[in-house]
Amino acid sequence: MSEDEPKSTLEIVMEKLRAKDPSSSTPLTQEQKAEIAEIKNRYRAKIAEVEIRHQDLMKKANSRGSVEETEKLAQEMAREKERLYREEENALQKVRNARP
């Protein structure tokens, strides 16, 4: 693109984003990438454990005909999963923001 051509809206937005967050243009190191992959794997496993544990408890509650208990367990599972997603995102942000 020559200097005389007007910038596209996308180019303008990207420039503004880079100006707001200069760390976003910093590439991740191999160590950071490995740590991010490990964090994602760890939290996928934790979330799977929560799902398995709660699904088992929900099946037992269903077999007893306890709708209230089943709903309570479903809400509890959703809260636990949301907490784990937040923890994961915080851990990932720490790695991304760390300076090489």
C-alpha atoms as a PDB file:
ATOM      1  CA  MET A   1       0.000   0.000   0.000  1.00  0.00           C
ATOM      2  CA  SER A   2       1.418   3.393  -0.909  1.00  0.00           C
ATOM      3  CA  GLU A   3       1.490   6.374   1.430  1.00  0.00           C
ATOM      4  CA  ASP A   4      -1.173   8.164  -0.659  1.00  0.00           C
ATOM      5  CA  GLU A   5      -3.819   5.448  -0.353  1.00  0.00           C
ATOM      6  CA  PRO A   6      -6.311   5.803   2.489  1.00  0.00           C
ATOM      7  CA  LYS A   7      -6.209   3.213   5.252  1.00  0.00           C
ATOM      8  CA  SER A   8      -8.986   0.684   5.575  1.00  0.00           C
ATOM      9  CA  THR A   9     -11.134   0.635   8.675  1.00  0.00           C
ATOM     10  CA  LEU A  10      -9.494  -2.634   9.702  1.00  0.00           C
ATOM     11  CA  GLU A  11      -6.020  -1.111   9.477  1.00  0.00           C
ATOM     12  CA  ILE A  12      -7.096   1.861  11.585  1.00  0.00           C
ATOM     13  CA  VAL A  13      -8.674  -0.371  14.232  1.00  0.00           C
ATOM     14  CA  MET A  14      -5.622  -2.637  14.368  1.00  0.00           C
ATOM     15  CA  GLU A  15      -3.328   0.377  14.833  1.00  0.00           C
ATOM     16  CA  LYS A  16      -5.496   1.621  17.715  1.00  0.00           C
ATOM     17  CA  LEU A  17      -5.487  -1.799  19.358  1.00  0.00           C
ATOM     18  CA  ARG A  18      -1.709  -2.067  19.070  1.00  0.00           C
ATOM     19  CA  ALA A  19      -1.352   1.392  20.564  1.00  0.00           C
ATOM     20  CA  LYS A  20      -3.545   0.435  23.538  1.00  0.00           C
ATOM     21  CA  ASP A  21      -1.814  -2.889  24.194  1.00  0.00           C
ATOM     22  CA  PRO A  22       1.781  -2.945  22.993  1.00  0.00           C
ATOM     23  CA  SER A  23       2.328  -6.391  24.571  1.00  0.00           C
ATOM     24  CA  SER A  24      -0.099  -7.901  22.049  1.00  0.00           C
ATOM     25  CA  SER A  25       2.493  -7.458  19.315  1.00  0.00           C
ATOM     26  CA  THR A  26       5.205  -9.201  21.350  1.00  0.00           C
ATOM     27  CA  PRO A  27       5.565 -12.785  20.135  1.00  0.00           C
ATOM     28  CA  LEU A  28       5.460 -15.560  22.696  1.00  0.00           C
ATOM     29  CA  THR A  29       8.602 -17.524  23.467  1.00  0.00           C
ATOM     30  CA  GLN A  30       8.719 -21.302  23.080  1.00  0.00           C
ATOM     31  CA  GLU A  31       8.679 -21.599  26.879  1.00  0.00           C
ATOM     32  CA  GLN A  32       5.546 -19.451  27.097  1.00  0.00           C
ATOM     33  CA  LYS A  33       3.856 -21.509  24.383  1.00  0.00           C
ATOM     34  CA  ALA A  34       4.729 -24.723  26.225  1.00  0.00           C
ATOM     35  CA  GLU A  35       3.454 -23.296  29.511  1.00  0.00           C
ATOM     36  CA  ILE A  36       0.206 -22.175  27.854  1.00  0.00           C
ATOM     37  CA  ALA A  37      -0.313 -25.661  26.399  1.00  0.00           C
ATOM     38  CA  GLU A  38       0.332 -27.224  29.818  1.00  0.00           C
ATOM     39  CA  ILE A  39      -2.137 -24.852  31.522  1.00  0.00           C
ATOM     40  CA  LYS A  40      -4.820 -25.614  28.926  1.00  0.00           C
ATOM     41  CA  ASN A  41      -4.291 -29.371  29.328  1.00  0.00           C
ATOM     42  CA  ARG A  42      -4.407 -29.117  33.126  1.00  0.00           C
ATOM     43  CA  TYR A  43      -7.649 -27.138  33.125  1.00  0.00           C
ATOM     44  CA  ARG A  44      -9.277 -29.370  30.490  1.00  0.00           C
ATOM     45  CA  ALA A  45      -8.587 -32.303  32.824  1.00  0.00           C
ATOM     46  CA  LYS A  46      -9.967 -30.448  35.860  1.00  0.00           C
ATOM     47  CA  ILE A  47     -13.130 -29.498  33.982  1.00  0.00           C
ATOM     48  CA  ALA A  48     -13.577 -33.078  32.755  1.00  0.00           C
ATOM     49  CA  GLU A  49     -13.271 -34.314  36.363  1.00  0.00           C
ATOM     50  CA  VAL A  50     -15.949 -31.862  37.485  1.00  0.00           C
ATOM     51  CA  GLU A  51     -18.263 -32.954  34.668  1.00  0.00           C
ATOM     52  CA  ILE A  52     -17.778 -36.668  35.373  1.00  0.00           C
ATOM     53  CA  ARG A  53     -18.251 -36.255  39.124  1.00  0.00           C
ATOM     54  CA  HIS A  54     -21.378 -34.119  38.776  1.00  0.00           C
ATOM     55  CA  GLN A  55     -22.914 -36.218  36.014  1.00  0.00           C
ATOM     56  CA  ASP A  56     -22.550 -39.294  38.195  1.00  0.00           C
ATOM     57  CA  LEU A  57     -24.171 -37.497  41.130  1.00  0.00           C
ATOM     58  CA  MET A  58     -26.933 -36.176  38.863  1.00  0.00           C
ATOM     59  CA  LYS A  59     -27.677 -39.689  37.566  1.00  0.00           C
ATOM     60  CA  LYS A  60     -28.011 -40.930  41.143  1.00  0.00           C
ATOM     61  CA  ALA A  61     -30.290 -38.012  42.017  1.00  0.00           C
ATOM     62  CA  ASN A  62     -32.392 -38.696  38.902  1.00  0.00           C
ATOM     63  CA  SER A  63     -32.724 -42.354  39.814  1.00  0.00           C
ATOM     64  CA  ARG A  64     -34.098 -41.264  43.207  1.00  0.00           C
ATOM     65  CA  GLY A  65     -36.507 -38.910  41.443  1.00  0.00           C
ATOM     66  CA  SER A  66     -35.024 -35.828  43.079  1.00  0.00           C
ATOM     67  CA  VAL A  67     -35.503 -33.042  40.538  1.00  0.00           C
ATOM     68  CA  GLU A  68     -34.460 -30.341  43.007  1.00  0.00           C
ATOM     69  CA  GLU A  69     -31.207 -32.122  43.830  1.00  0.00           C
ATOM     70  CA  THR A  70     -30.496 -32.651  40.132  1.00  0.00           C
ATOM     71  CA  GLU A  71     -31.029 -28.958  39.401  1.00  0.00           C
ATOM     72  CA  LYS A  72     -28.873 -27.972  42.376  1.00  0.00           C
ATOM     73  CA  LEU A  73     -26.070 -30.245  41.137  1.00  0.00           C
ATOM     74  CA  ALA A  74     -26.330 -28.839  37.614  1.00  0.00           C
ATOM     75  CA  GLN A  75     -26.016 -25.288  38.962  1.00  0.00           C
ATOM     76  CA  GLU A  76     -23.101 -26.299  41.168  1.00  0.00           C
ATOM     77  CA  MET A  77     -21.352 -27.881  38.195  1.00  0.00           C
ATOM     78  CA  ALA A  78     -21.857 -24.724  36.130  1.00  0.00           C
ATOM     79  CA  ARG A  79     -20.416 -22.563  38.928  1.00  0.00           C
ATOM     80  CA  GLU A  80     -17.396 -24.839  39.350  1.00  0.00           C
ATOM     81  CA  LYS A  81     -16.720 -24.906  35.618  1.00  0.00           C
ATOM     82  CA  GLU A  82     -17.014 -21.107  35.410  1.00  0.00           C
ATOM     83  CA  ARG A  83     -14.562 -20.752  38.310  1.00  0.00           C
ATOM     84  CA  LEU A  84     -12.109 -23.054  36.542  1.00  0.00           C
ATOM     85  CA  TYR A  85     -12.471 -21.124  33.270  1.00  0.00           C
ATOM     86  CA  ARG A  86     -11.675 -17.879  35.122  1.00  0.00           C
ATOM     87  CA  GLU A  87      -8.665 -19.471  36.864  1.00  0.00           C
ATOM     88  CA  GLU A  88      -7.421 -20.771  33.532  1.00  0.00           C
ATOM     89  CA  GLU A  89      -7.777 -17.387  31.848  1.00  0.00           C
ATOM     90  CA  ASN A  90      -5.940 -15.681  34.729  1.00  0.00           C
ATOM     91  CA  ALA A  91      -3.107 -18.206  34.517  1.00  0.00           C
ATOM     92  CA  LEU A  92      -2.903 -17.765  30.738  1.00  0.00           C
ATOM     93  CA  GLN A  93      -2.842 -13.965  31.051  1.00  0.00           C
ATOM     94  CA  LYS A  94       0.047 -14.161  33.534  1.00  0.00           C
ATOM     95  CA  VAL A  95       2.054 -16.228  31.052  1.00  0.00           C
ATOM     96  CA  ARG A  96       1.176 -13.971  28.109  1.00  0.00           C
ATOM     97  CA  ASN A  97       2.058 -10.820  30.055  1.00  0.00           C
ATOM     98  CA  ALA A  98       5.379 -12.166  31.333  1.00  0.00           C
ATOM     99  CA  ARG A  99       8.298 -10.521  29.626  1.00  0.00           C
ATOM    100  CA  PRO A 100      10.778 -12.882  27.967  1.00  0.00           C
END
